[in-house]
Amino acid sequence: MKKILYTKFKNIDEIIAEMAKQAVIRKAMTRANLCKFWNKVAGEKFAQNSKPYSMIKGSIMVIACKTPVVAQELMLKKTQLLVRFKPYVESLNMKLTDLRFDAKKWVDDETSQ
């Protein structure tokens, strides 16, 4: 029987560096970073009742809302939210052209775990 040598292990840093070179991974990381700013942009009241859900068509952020009332209030503030997002979007070299608010996409964190 032939002896197998396991000597060419890759360091986790090397694996992450290789993955970060892929355009799809870089794009996902950038989108995830943009979502982290939602709490600052929306404010405390809305941050508790809404959260980023996804990005569609590359520049439209879908926001999951706890209730249709929250979605409606955010819809009325859409222009202000886009203006507040602008510095974060520019610093990440992204485009954000629209926000969509959807109460059907809300999932409580406690129930999803």
PDB file of N, CA and C in Angstrom:
ATOM      1  N   MET A   1       0.838  -1.181   0.000  1.00  0.00           N
ATOM      2  CA  MET A   1       0.000   0.000   0.000  1.00  0.00           C
ATOM      3  C   MET A   1       0.887   1.249   0.000  1.00  0.00           C
ATOM      4  N   LYS A   2       0.500   2.224  -0.820  1.00  0.00           N
ATOM      5  CA  LYS A   2       1.269   3.450  -0.958  1.00  0.00           C
ATOM      6  C   LYS A   2       0.986   4.390   0.215  1.00  0.00           C
ATOM      7  N   LYS A   3       2.034   4.976   0.737  1.00  0.00           N
ATOM      8  CA  LYS A   3       1.907   5.883   1.871  1.00  0.00           C
ATOM      9  C   LYS A   3       1.527   7.273   1.357  1.00  0.00           C
ATOM     10  N   ILE A   4       0.511   7.853   1.979  1.00  0.00           N
ATOM     11  CA  ILE A   4       0.047   9.183   1.571  1.00  0.00           C
ATOM     12  C   ILE A   4       0.583  10.206   2.564  1.00  0.00           C
ATOM     13  N   LEU A   5       1.233  11.237   2.037  1.00  0.00           N
ATOM     14  CA  LEU A   5       1.773  12.299   2.879  1.00  0.00           C
ATOM     15  C   LEU A   5       0.872  13.538   2.788  1.00  0.00           C
ATOM     16  N   TYR A   6       0.470  14.002   3.920  1.00  0.00           N
ATOM     17  CA  TYR A   6      -0.371  15.202   3.979  1.00  0.00           C
ATOM     18  C   TYR A   6       0.480  16.385   4.430  1.00  0.00           C
ATOM     19  N   THR A   7       1.253  16.915   3.526  1.00  0.00           N
ATOM     20  CA  THR A   7       2.168  17.986   3.906  1.00  0.00           C
ATOM     21  C   THR A   7       1.875  19.308   3.213  1.00  0.00           C
ATOM     22  N   LYS A   8       0.946  19.328   2.295  1.00  0.00           N
ATOM     23  CA  LYS A   8       0.689  20.557   1.559  1.00  0.00           C
ATOM     24  C   LYS A   8      -0.609  21.225   2.020  1.00  0.00           C
ATOM     25  N   PHE A   9      -0.751  21.355   3.328  1.00  0.00           N
ATOM     26  CA  PHE A   9      -1.914  22.041   3.868  1.00  0.00           C
ATOM     27  C   PHE A   9      -1.807  23.529   3.584  1.00  0.00           C
ATOM     28  N   LYS A  10      -2.949  24.144   3.358  1.00  0.00           N
ATOM     29  CA  LYS A  10      -2.960  25.583   3.157  1.00  0.00           C
ATOM     30  C   LYS A  10      -3.375  26.264   4.448  1.00  0.00           C
ATOM     31  N   ASN A  11      -2.742  27.366   4.711  1.00  0.00           N
ATOM     32  CA  ASN A  11      -3.067  28.190   5.862  1.00  0.00           C
ATOM     33  C   ASN A  11      -4.425  28.862   5.591  1.00  0.00           C
ATOM     34  N   ILE A  12      -5.204  29.085   6.624  1.00  0.00           N
ATOM     35  CA  ILE A  12      -6.523  29.701   6.450  1.00  0.00           C
ATOM     36  C   ILE A  12      -6.408  31.086   5.819  1.00  0.00           C
ATOM     37  N   ASP A  13      -5.336  31.814   6.124  1.00  0.00           N
ATOM     38  CA  ASP A  13      -5.118  33.132   5.528  1.00  0.00           C
ATOM     39  C   ASP A  13      -4.963  33.029   4.006  1.00  0.00           C
ATOM     40  N   GLU A  14      -4.269  31.986   3.556  1.00  0.00           N
ATOM     41  CA  GLU A  14      -4.092  31.773   2.115  1.00  0.00           C
ATOM     42  C   GLU A  14      -5.428  31.464   1.448  1.00  0.00           C
ATOM     43  N   ILE A  15      -6.237  30.660   2.101  1.00  0.00           N
ATOM     44  CA  ILE A  15      -7.541  30.295   1.545  1.00  0.00           C
ATOM     45  C   ILE A  15      -8.425  31.526   1.430  1.00  0.00           C
ATOM     46  N   ILE A  16      -8.449  32.346   2.471  1.00  0.00           N
ATOM     47  CA  ILE A  16      -9.267  33.573   2.453  1.00  0.00           C
ATOM     48  C   ILE A  16      -8.769  34.528   1.382  1.00  0.00           C
ATOM     49  N   ALA A  17      -7.454  34.652   1.253  1.00  0.00           N
ATOM     50  CA  ALA A  17      -6.883  35.536   0.230  1.00  0.00           C
ATOM     51  C   ALA A  17      -7.273  35.072  -1.174  1.00  0.00           C
ATOM     52  N   GLU A  18      -7.247  33.755  -1.407  1.00  0.00           N
ATOM     53  CA  GLU A  18      -7.656  33.218  -2.704  1.00  0.00           C
ATOM     54  C   GLU A  18      -9.134  33.502  -2.973  1.00  0.00           C
ATOM     55  N   MET A  19      -9.957  33.308  -1.951  1.00  0.00           N
ATOM     56  CA  MET A  19     -11.393  33.561  -2.125  1.00  0.00           C
ATOM     57  C   MET A  19     -11.675  35.034  -2.377  1.00  0.00           C
ATOM     58  N   ALA A  20     -10.939  35.910  -1.698  1.00  0.00           N
ATOM     59  CA  ALA A  20     -11.159  37.346  -1.838  1.00  0.00           C
ATOM     60  C   ALA A  20     -10.803  37.851  -3.234  1.00  0.00           C
ATOM     61  N   LYS A  21     -10.030  37.080  -3.995  1.00  0.00           N
ATOM     62  CA  LYS A  21      -9.675  37.461  -5.359  1.00  0.00           C
ATOM     63  C   LYS A  21     -10.848  37.277  -6.318  1.00  0.00           C
ATOM     64  N   GLN A  22     -11.800  36.445  -5.940  1.00  0.00           N
ATOM     65  CA  GLN A  22     -12.943  36.179  -6.813  1.00  0.00           C
ATOM     66  C   GLN A  22     -13.914  37.368  -6.787  1.00  0.00           C
ATOM     67  N   ALA A  23     -14.313  37.809  -7.960  1.00  0.00           N
ATOM     68  CA  ALA A  23     -15.185  38.979  -8.081  1.00  0.00           C
ATOM     69  C   ALA A  23     -16.513  38.786  -7.359  1.00  0.00           C
ATOM     70  N   VAL A  24     -17.062  37.600  -7.419  1.00  0.00           N
ATOM     71  CA  VAL A  24     -18.347  37.334  -6.777  1.00  0.00           C
ATOM     72  C   VAL A  24     -18.237  37.487  -5.262  1.00  0.00           C
ATOM     73  N   ILE A  25     -17.152  37.006  -4.699  1.00  0.00           N
ATOM     74  CA  ILE A  25     -16.933  37.098  -3.258  1.00  0.00           C
ATOM     75  C   ILE A  25     -16.716  38.557  -2.853  1.00  0.00           C
ATOM     76  N   ARG A  26     -15.914  39.284  -3.622  1.00  0.00           N
ATOM     77  CA  ARG A  26     -15.677  40.706  -3.319  1.00  0.00           C
ATOM     78  C   ARG A  26     -16.984  41.486  -3.353  1.00  0.00           C
ATOM     79  N   LYS A  27     -17.816  41.201  -4.347  1.00  0.00           N
ATOM     80  CA  LYS A  27     -19.097  41.894  -4.475  1.00  0.00           C
ATOM     81  C   LYS A  27     -20.000  41.594  -3.278  1.00  0.00           C
ATOM     82  N   ALA A  28     -20.041  40.340  -2.862  1.00  0.00           N
ATOM     83  CA  ALA A  28     -20.861  39.946  -1.711  1.00  0.00           C
ATOM     84  C   ALA A  28     -20.363  40.616  -0.434  1.00  0.00           C
ATOM     85  N   MET A  29     -19.050  40.703  -0.269  1.00  0.00           N
ATOM     86  CA  MET A  29     -18.493  41.342   0.923  1.00  0.00           C
ATOM     87  C   MET A  29     -18.829  42.839   0.938  1.00  0.00           C
ATOM     88  N   THR A  30     -18.763  43.472  -0.212  1.00  0.00           N
ATOM     89  CA  THR A  30     -19.084  44.894  -0.299  1.00  0.00           C
ATOM     90  C   THR A  30     -20.552  45.134   0.025  1.00  0.00           C
ATOM     91  N   ARG A  31     -21.430  44.298  -0.499  1.00  0.00           N
ATOM     92  CA  ARG A  31     -22.857  44.423  -0.201  1.00  0.00           C
ATOM     93  C   ARG A  31     -23.125  44.199   1.280  1.00  0.00           C
ATOM     94  N   ALA A  32     -22.450  43.237   1.863  1.00  0.00           N
ATOM     95  CA  ALA A  32     -22.626  42.967   3.294  1.00  0.00           C
ATOM     96  C   ALA A  32     -22.175  44.168   4.120  1.00  0.00           C
ATOM     97  N   ASN A  33     -21.092  44.803   3.706  1.00  0.00           N
ATOM     98  CA  ASN A  33     -20.625  46.000   4.409  1.00  0.00           C
ATOM     99  C   ASN A  33     -21.638  47.131   4.299  1.00  0.00           C
ATOM    100  N   LEU A  34     -22.238  47.285   3.145  1.00  0.00           N
ATOM    101  CA  LEU A  34     -23.248  48.328   2.967  1.00  0.00           C
ATOM    102  C   LEU A  34     -24.442  48.084   3.891  1.00  0.00           C
ATOM    103  N   CYS A  35     -24.834  46.842   4.036  1.00  0.00           N
ATOM    104  CA  CYS A  35     -25.975  46.506   4.905  1.00  0.00           C
ATOM    105  C   CYS A  35     -25.706  46.840   6.362  1.00  0.00           C
ATOM    106  N   LYS A  36     -24.451  46.820   6.750  1.00  0.00           N
ATOM    107  CA  LYS A  36     -24.099  47.133   8.138  1.00  0.00           C
ATOM    108  C   LYS A  36     -24.427  48.588   8.496  1.00  0.00           C
ATOM    109  N   PHE A  37     -24.521  49.446   7.501  1.00  0.00           N
ATOM    110  CA  PHE A  37     -24.785  50.857   7.745  1.00  0.00           C
ATOM    111  C   PHE A  37     -26.278  51.180   7.868  1.00  0.00           C
ATOM    112  N   TRP A  38     -27.133  50.196   7.680  1.00  0.00           N
ATOM    113  CA  TRP A  38     -28.583  50.440   7.727  1.00  0.00           C
ATOM    114  C   TRP A  38     -29.003  51.073   9.056  1.00  0.00           C
ATOM    115  N   ASN A  39     -28.469  50.591  10.168  1.00  0.00           N
ATOM    116  CA  ASN A  39     -28.852  51.128  11.473  1.00  0.00           C
ATOM    117  C   ASN A  39     -28.558  52.623  11.582  1.00  0.00           C
ATOM    118  N   LYS A  40     -27.423  53.049  11.046  1.00  0.00           N
ATOM    119  CA  LYS A  40     -27.068  54.470  11.083  1.00  0.00           C
ATOM    120  C   LYS A  40     -27.964  55.280  10.163  1.00  0.00           C
ATOM    121  N   VAL A  41     -28.258  54.735   9.018  1.00  0.00           N
ATOM    122  CA  VAL A  41     -29.050  55.450   8.019  1.00  0.00           C
ATOM    123  C   VAL A  41     -30.517  55.556   8.441  1.00  0.00           C
ATOM    124  N   ALA A  42     -31.080  54.459   8.916  1.00  0.00           N
ATOM    125  CA  ALA A  42     -32.507  54.418   9.233  1.00  0.00           C
ATOM    126  C   ALA A  42     -32.828  55.065  10.578  1.00  0.00           C
ATOM    127  N   GLY A  43     -31.902  55.060  11.483  1.00  0.00           N
ATOM    128  CA  GLY A  43     -32.179  55.555  12.825  1.00  0.00           C
ATOM    129  C   GLY A  43     -32.644  54.414  13.719  1.00  0.00           C
ATOM    130  N   GLU A  44     -32.553  54.632  15.017  1.00  0.00           N
ATOM    131  CA  GLU A  44     -32.831  53.566  15.985  1.00  0.00           C
ATOM    132  C   GLU A  44     -34.256  53.018  15.875  1.00  0.00           C
ATOM    133  N   LYS A  45     -35.230  53.907  15.744  1.00  0.00           N
ATOM    134  CA  LYS A  45     -36.646  53.482  15.676  1.00  0.00           C
ATOM    135  C   LYS A  45     -36.889  52.511  14.521  1.00  0.00           C
ATOM    136  N   PHE A  46     -36.406  52.863  13.358  1.00  0.00           N
ATOM    137  CA  PHE A  46     -36.639  52.019  12.183  1.00  0.00           C
ATOM    138  C   PHE A  46     -35.683  50.833  12.116  1.00  0.00           C
ATOM    139  N   ALA A  47     -34.496  50.976  12.682  1.00  0.00           N
ATOM    140  CA  ALA A  47     -33.528  49.872  12.657  1.00  0.00           C
ATOM    141  C   ALA A  47     -34.045  48.671  13.446  1.00  0.00           C
ATOM    142  N   GLN A  48     -34.851  48.912  14.462  1.00  0.00           N
ATOM    143  CA  GLN A  48     -35.409  47.812  15.247  1.00  0.00           C
ATOM    144  C   GLN A  48     -36.529  47.095  14.507  1.00  0.00           C
ATOM    145  N   ASN A  49     -37.161  47.780  13.556  1.00  0.00           N
ATOM    146  CA  ASN A  49     -38.323  47.229  12.865  1.00  0.00           C
ATOM    147  C   ASN A  49     -38.090  46.949  11.385  1.00  0.00           C
ATOM    148  N   SER A  50     -36.850  47.036  10.958  1.00  0.00           N
ATOM    149  CA  SER A  50     -36.527  46.759   9.555  1.00  0.00           C
ATOM    150  C   SER A  50     -35.065  46.333   9.468  1.00  0.00           C
ATOM    151  N   LYS A  51     -34.742  45.625   8.391  1.00  0.00           N
ATOM    152  CA  LYS A  51     -33.353  45.207   8.171  1.00  0.00           C
ATOM    153  C   LYS A  51     -33.149  44.906   6.692  1.00  0.00           C
ATOM    154  N   PRO A  52     -31.924  45.134   6.212  1.00  0.00           N
ATOM    155  CA  PRO A  52     -31.637  44.816   4.809  1.00  0.00           C
ATOM    156  C   PRO A  52     -31.868  43.338   4.543  1.00  0.00           C
ATOM    157  N   TYR A  53     -32.481  43.045   3.405  1.00  0.00           N
ATOM    158  CA  TYR A  53     -32.813  41.668   3.050  1.00  0.00           C
ATOM    159  C   TYR A  53     -31.954  41.175   1.892  1.00  0.00           C
ATOM    160  N   SER A  54     -31.867  41.987   0.832  1.00  0.00           N
ATOM    161  CA  SER A  54     -31.088  41.573  -0.337  1.00  0.00           C
ATOM    162  C   SER A  54     -30.835  42.766  -1.244  1.00  0.00           C
ATOM    163  N   MET A  55     -30.045  42.511  -2.278  1.00  0.00           N
ATOM    164  CA  MET A  55     -29.813  43.492  -3.331  1.00  0.00           C
ATOM    165  C   MET A  55     -30.284  42.862  -4.631  1.00  0.00           C
ATOM    166  N   ILE A  56     -31.053  43.611  -5.408  1.00  0.00           N
ATOM    167  CA  ILE A  56     -31.500  43.107  -6.696  1.00  0.00           C
ATOM    168  C   ILE A  56     -31.027  44.043  -7.800  1.00  0.00           C
ATOM    169  N   LYS A  57     -30.790  43.481  -8.946  1.00  0.00           N
ATOM    170  CA  LYS A  57     -30.318  44.222 -10.116  1.00  0.00           C
ATOM    171  C   LYS A  57     -29.084  45.058  -9.810  1.00  0.00           C
ATOM    172  N   GLY A  58     -28.330  44.654  -8.806  1.00  0.00           N
ATOM    173  CA  GLY A  58     -27.067  45.304  -8.511  1.00  0.00           C
ATOM    174  C   GLY A  58     -27.129  46.621  -7.785  1.00  0.00           C
ATOM    175  N   SER A  59     -28.265  47.316  -7.826  1.00  0.00           N
ATOM    176  CA  SER A  59     -28.284  48.636  -7.204  1.00  0.00           C
ATOM    177  C   SER A  59     -29.577  48.944  -6.449  1.00  0.00           C
ATOM    178  N   ILE A  60     -30.421  47.959  -6.234  1.00  0.00           N
ATOM    179  CA  ILE A  60     -31.675  48.168  -5.509  1.00  0.00           C
ATOM    180  C   ILE A  60     -31.629  47.327  -4.231  1.00  0.00           C
ATOM    181  N   MET A  61     -31.720  48.003  -3.092  1.00  0.00           N
ATOM    182  CA  MET A  61     -31.680  47.301  -1.814  1.00  0.00           C
ATOM    183  C   MET A  61     -33.108  47.014  -1.353  1.00  0.00           C
ATOM    184  N   VAL A  62     -33.353  45.754  -1.017  1.00  0.00           N
ATOM    185  CA  VAL A  62     -34.653  45.342  -0.489  1.00  0.00           C
ATOM    186  C   VAL A  62     -34.546  45.331   1.030  1.00  0.00           C
ATOM    187  N   ILE A  63     -35.478  46.010   1.678  1.00  0.00           N
ATOM    188  CA  ILE A  63     -35.491  46.110   3.130  1.00  0.00           C
ATOM    189  C   ILE A  63     -36.701  45.338   3.649  1.00  0.00           C
ATOM    190  N   ALA A  64     -36.453  44.377   4.529  1.00  0.00           N
ATOM    191  CA  ALA A  64     -37.538  43.633   5.162  1.00  0.00           C
ATOM    192  C   ALA A  64     -38.066  44.476   6.321  1.00  0.00           C
ATOM    193  N   CYS A  65     -39.382  44.611   6.396  1.00  0.00           N
ATOM    194  CA  CYS A  65     -40.012  45.434   7.427  1.00  0.00           C
ATOM    195  C   CYS A  65     -40.912  44.569   8.297  1.00  0.00           C
ATOM    196  N   LYS A  66     -40.955  44.900   9.567  1.00  0.00           N
ATOM    197  CA  LYS A  66     -41.717  44.113  10.531  1.00  0.00           C
ATOM    198  C   LYS A  66     -43.215  44.168  10.252  1.00  0.00           C
ATOM    199  N   THR A  67     -43.709  45.326   9.849  1.00  0.00           N
ATOM    200  CA  THR A  67     -45.136  45.485   9.545  1.00  0.00           C
ATOM    201  C   THR A  67     -45.292  46.335   8.287  1.00  0.00           C
ATOM    202  N   PRO A  68     -46.453  46.259   7.661  1.00  0.00           N
ATOM    203  CA  PRO A  68     -46.710  47.122   6.507  1.00  0.00           C
ATOM    204  C   PRO A  68     -46.673  48.612   6.857  1.00  0.00           C
ATOM    205  N   VAL A  69     -46.990  48.931   8.090  1.00  0.00           N
ATOM    206  CA  VAL A  69     -46.954  50.339   8.522  1.00  0.00           C
ATOM    207  C   VAL A  69     -45.512  50.853   8.492  1.00  0.00           C
ATOM    208  N   VAL A  70     -44.583  50.049   8.970  1.00  0.00           N
ATOM    209  CA  VAL A  70     -43.165  50.427   8.940  1.00  0.00           C
ATOM    210  C   VAL A  70     -42.717  50.586   7.489  1.00  0.00           C
ATOM    211  N   ALA A  71     -43.125  49.669   6.633  1.00  0.00           N
ATOM    212  CA  ALA A  71     -42.767  49.753   5.213  1.00  0.00           C
ATOM    213  C   ALA A  71     -43.291  51.050   4.596  1.00  0.00           C
ATOM    214  N   GLN A  72     -44.509  51.428   4.939  1.00  0.00           N
ATOM    215  CA  GLN A  72     -45.099  52.655   4.401  1.00  0.00           C
ATOM    216  C   GLN A  72     -44.351  53.888   4.913  1.00  0.00           C
ATOM    217  N   GLU A  73     -44.036  53.915   6.206  1.00  0.00           N
ATOM    218  CA  GLU A  73     -43.300  55.055   6.755  1.00  0.00           C
ATOM    219  C   GLU A  73     -41.932  55.193   6.101  1.00  0.00           C
ATOM    220  N   LEU A  74     -41.251  54.064   5.911  1.00  0.00           N
ATOM    221  CA  LEU A  74     -39.948  54.116   5.258  1.00  0.00           C
ATOM    222  C   LEU A  74     -40.068  54.543   3.802  1.00  0.00           C
ATOM    223  N   MET A  75     -41.124  54.109   3.158  1.00  0.00           N
ATOM    224  CA  MET A  75     -41.350  54.509   1.764  1.00  0.00           C
ATOM    225  C   MET A  75     -41.463  56.027   1.658  1.00  0.00           C
ATOM    226  N   LEU A  76     -42.141  56.630   2.624  1.00  0.00           N
ATOM    227  CA  LEU A  76     -42.286  58.090   2.624  1.00  0.00           C
ATOM    228  C   LEU A  76     -40.950  58.797   2.870  1.00  0.00           C
ATOM    229  N   LYS A  77     -40.003  58.113   3.498  1.00  0.00           N
ATOM    230  CA  LYS A  77     -38.688  58.682   3.797  1.00  0.00           C
ATOM    231  C   LYS A  77     -37.610  58.211   2.820  1.00  0.00           C
ATOM    232  N   LYS A  78     -38.005  57.557   1.754  1.00  0.00           N
ATOM    233  CA  LYS A  78     -37.038  56.944   0.839  1.00  0.00           C
ATOM    234  C   LYS A  78     -35.979  57.919   0.333  1.00  0.00           C
ATOM    235  N   THR A  79     -36.388  59.102  -0.089  1.00  0.00           N
ATOM    236  CA  THR A  79     -35.441  60.083  -0.625  1.00  0.00           C
ATOM    237  C   THR A  79     -34.417  60.473   0.434  1.00  0.00           C
ATOM    238  N   GLN A  80     -34.876  60.706   1.650  1.00  0.00           N
ATOM    239  CA  GLN A  80     -33.964  61.057   2.749  1.00  0.00           C
ATOM    240  C   GLN A  80     -32.995  59.907   3.034  1.00  0.00           C
ATOM    241  N   LEU A  81     -33.504  58.684   3.009  1.00  0.00           N
ATOM    242  CA  LEU A  81     -32.655  57.519   3.269  1.00  0.00           C
ATOM    243  C   LEU A  81     -31.577  57.372   2.203  1.00  0.00           C
ATOM    244  N   LEU A  82     -31.945  57.583   0.954  1.00  0.00           N
ATOM    245  CA  LEU A  82     -30.959  57.488  -0.133  1.00  0.00           C
ATOM    246  C   LEU A  82     -29.867  58.546   0.020  1.00  0.00           C
ATOM    247  N   VAL A  83     -30.262  59.736   0.452  1.00  0.00           N
ATOM    248  CA  VAL A  83     -29.278  60.810   0.668  1.00  0.00           C
ATOM    249  C   VAL A  83     -28.344  60.434   1.818  1.00  0.00           C
ATOM    250  N   ARG A  84     -28.894  59.854   2.892  1.00  0.00           N
ATOM    251  CA  ARG A  84     -28.059  59.433   4.027  1.00  0.00           C
ATOM    252  C   ARG A  84     -27.132  58.282   3.653  1.00  0.00           C
ATOM    253  N   PHE A  85     -27.576  57.435   2.751  1.00  0.00           N
ATOM    254  CA  PHE A  85     -26.763  56.300   2.306  1.00  0.00           C
ATOM    255  C   PHE A  85     -25.606  56.739   1.405  1.00  0.00           C
ATOM    256  N   LYS A  86     -25.749  57.869   0.749  1.00  0.00           N
ATOM    257  CA  LYS A  86     -24.809  58.290  -0.285  1.00  0.00           C
ATOM    258  C   LYS A  86     -23.335  58.240   0.135  1.00  0.00           C
ATOM    259  N   PRO A  87     -22.941  58.776   1.299  1.00  0.00           N
ATOM    260  CA  PRO A  87     -21.507  58.710   1.646  1.00  0.00           C
ATOM    261  C   PRO A  87     -20.995  57.273   1.816  1.00  0.00           C
ATOM    262  N   TYR A  88     -21.828  56.407   2.359  1.00  0.00           N
ATOM    263  CA  TYR A  88     -21.422  55.011   2.549  1.00  0.00           C
ATOM    264  C   TYR A  88     -21.296  54.296   1.200  1.00  0.00           C
ATOM    265  N   VAL A  89     -22.232  54.559   0.320  1.00  0.00           N
ATOM    266  CA  VAL A  89     -22.225  53.939  -1.002  1.00  0.00           C
ATOM    267  C   VAL A  89     -20.992  54.383  -1.782  1.00  0.00           C
ATOM    268  N   GLU A  90     -20.699  55.680  -1.717  1.00  0.00           N
ATOM    269  CA  GLU A  90     -19.537  56.198  -2.441  1.00  0.00           C
ATOM    270  C   GLU A  90     -18.235  55.650  -1.877  1.00  0.00           C
ATOM    271  N   SER A  91     -18.155  55.514  -0.560  1.00  0.00           N
ATOM    272  CA  SER A  91     -16.915  55.001   0.030  1.00  0.00           C
ATOM    273  C   SER A  91     -16.676  53.536  -0.334  1.00  0.00           C
ATOM    274  N   LEU A  92     -17.753  52.805  -0.612  1.00  0.00           N
ATOM    275  CA  LEU A  92     -17.626  51.397  -1.010  1.00  0.00           C
ATOM    276  C   LEU A  92     -17.574  51.218  -2.524  1.00  0.00           C
ATOM    277  N   ASN A  93     -17.605  52.330  -3.266  1.00  0.00           N
ATOM    278  CA  ASN A  93     -17.574  52.281  -4.732  1.00  0.00           C
ATOM    279  C   ASN A  93     -18.737  51.479  -5.295  1.00  0.00           C
ATOM    280  N   MET A  94     -19.922  51.734  -4.797  1.00  0.00           N
ATOM    281  CA  MET A  94     -21.114  51.006  -5.229  1.00  0.00           C
ATOM    282  C   MET A  94     -22.134  51.970  -5.816  1.00  0.00           C
ATOM    283  N   LYS A  95     -23.194  51.381  -6.342  1.00  0.00           N
ATOM    284  CA  LYS A  95     -24.344  52.151  -6.800  1.00  0.00           C
ATOM    285  C   LYS A  95     -25.545  51.716  -5.986  1.00  0.00           C
ATOM    286  N   LEU A  96     -26.339  52.673  -5.538  1.00  0.00           N
ATOM    287  CA  LEU A  96     -27.596  52.388  -4.875  1.00  0.00           C
ATOM    288  C   LEU A  96     -28.614  53.350  -5.457  1.00  0.00           C
ATOM    289  N   THR A  97     -29.496  52.817  -6.302  1.00  0.00           N
ATOM    290  CA  THR A  97     -30.439  53.682  -7.006  1.00  0.00           C
ATOM    291  C   THR A  97     -31.826  53.696  -6.384  1.00  0.00           C
ATOM    292  N   ASP A  98     -32.163  52.668  -5.607  1.00  0.00           N
ATOM    293  CA  ASP A  98     -33.517  52.601  -5.077  1.00  0.00           C
ATOM    294  C   ASP A  98     -33.556  51.737  -3.825  1.00  0.00           C
ATOM    295  N   LEU A  99     -34.582  51.949  -3.034  1.00  0.00           N
ATOM    296  CA  LEU A  99     -34.858  51.123  -1.869  1.00  0.00           C
ATOM    297  C   LEU A  99     -36.261  50.568  -2.023  1.00  0.00           C
ATOM    298  N   ARG A 100     -36.417  49.284  -1.747  1.00  0.00           N
ATOM    299  CA  ARG A 100     -37.742  48.654  -1.772  1.00  0.00           C
ATOM    300  C   ARG A 100     -38.034  48.119  -0.382  1.00  0.00           C
ATOM    301  N   PHE A 101     -39.239  48.327   0.084  1.00  0.00           N
ATOM    302  CA  PHE A 101     -39.613  47.922   1.436  1.00  0.00           C
ATOM    303  C   PHE A 101     -40.685  46.850   1.348  1.00  0.00           C
ATOM    304  N   ASP A 102     -40.445  45.728   2.037  1.00  0.00           N
ATOM    305  CA  ASP A 102     -41.341  44.578   1.921  1.00  0.00           C
ATOM    306  C   ASP A 102     -41.579  43.948   3.292  1.00  0.00           C
ATOM    307  N   ALA A 103     -42.835  43.985   3.743  1.00  0.00           N
ATOM    308  CA  ALA A 103     -43.186  43.398   5.040  1.00  0.00           C
ATOM    309  C   ALA A 103     -43.258  41.871   4.961  1.00  0.00           C
ATOM    310  N   LYS A 104     -43.400  41.315   3.783  1.00  0.00           N
ATOM    311  CA  LYS A 104     -43.511  39.858   3.631  1.00  0.00           C
ATOM    312  C   LYS A 104     -42.185  39.143   3.853  1.00  0.00           C
ATOM    313  N   LYS A 105     -41.088  39.851   3.766  1.00  0.00           N
ATOM    314  CA  LYS A 105     -39.772  39.235   3.873  1.00  0.00           C
ATOM    315  C   LYS A 105     -39.238  39.217   5.309  1.00  0.00           C
ATOM    316  N   TRP A 106     -39.982  39.782   6.237  1.00  0.00           N
ATOM    317  CA  TRP A 106     -39.519  39.860   7.626  1.00  0.00           C
ATOM    318  C   TRP A 106     -39.504  38.484   8.280  1.00  0.00           C
ATOM    319  N   VAL A 107     -38.396  38.180   8.953  1.00  0.00           N
ATOM    320  CA  VAL A 107     -38.261  36.966   9.748  1.00  0.00           C
ATOM    321  C   VAL A 107     -37.662  37.387  11.081  1.00  0.00           C
ATOM    322  N   ASP A 108     -38.326  37.034  12.190  1.00  0.00           N
ATOM    323  CA  ASP A 108     -37.793  37.353  13.511  1.00  0.00           C
ATOM    324  C   ASP A 108     -36.521  36.565  13.745  1.00  0.00           C
ATOM    325  N   ASP A 109     -35.505  37.207  14.298  1.00  0.00           N
ATOM    326  CA  ASP A 109     -34.228  36.541  14.566  1.00  0.00           C
ATOM    327  C   ASP A 109     -34.383  35.391  15.554  1.00  0.00           C
ATOM    328  N   GLU A 110     -35.290  35.524  16.518  1.00  0.00           N
ATOM    329  CA  GLU A 110     -35.476  34.474  17.519  1.00  0.00           C
ATOM    330  C   GLU A 110     -36.040  33.199  16.889  1.00  0.00           C
ATOM    331  N   THR A 111     -36.948  33.341  15.923  1.00  0.00           N
ATOM    332  CA  THR A 111     -37.564  32.173  15.301  1.00  0.00           C
ATOM    333  C   THR A 111     -36.673  31.518  14.268  1.00  0.00           C
ATOM    334  N   SER A 112     -35.722  32.267  13.714  1.00  0.00           N
ATOM    335  CA  SER A 112     -34.862  31.706  12.669  1.00  0.00           C
ATOM    336  C   SER A 112     -33.689  30.917  13.227  1.00  0.00           C
ATOM    337  N   GLN A 113     -33.464  30.961  14.521  1.00  0.00           N
ATOM    338  CA  GLN A 113     -32.312  30.253  15.088  1.00  0.00           C
ATOM    339  C   GLN A 113     -32.664  28.882  15.555  1.00  0.00           C
TER     340      GLN A 113
END
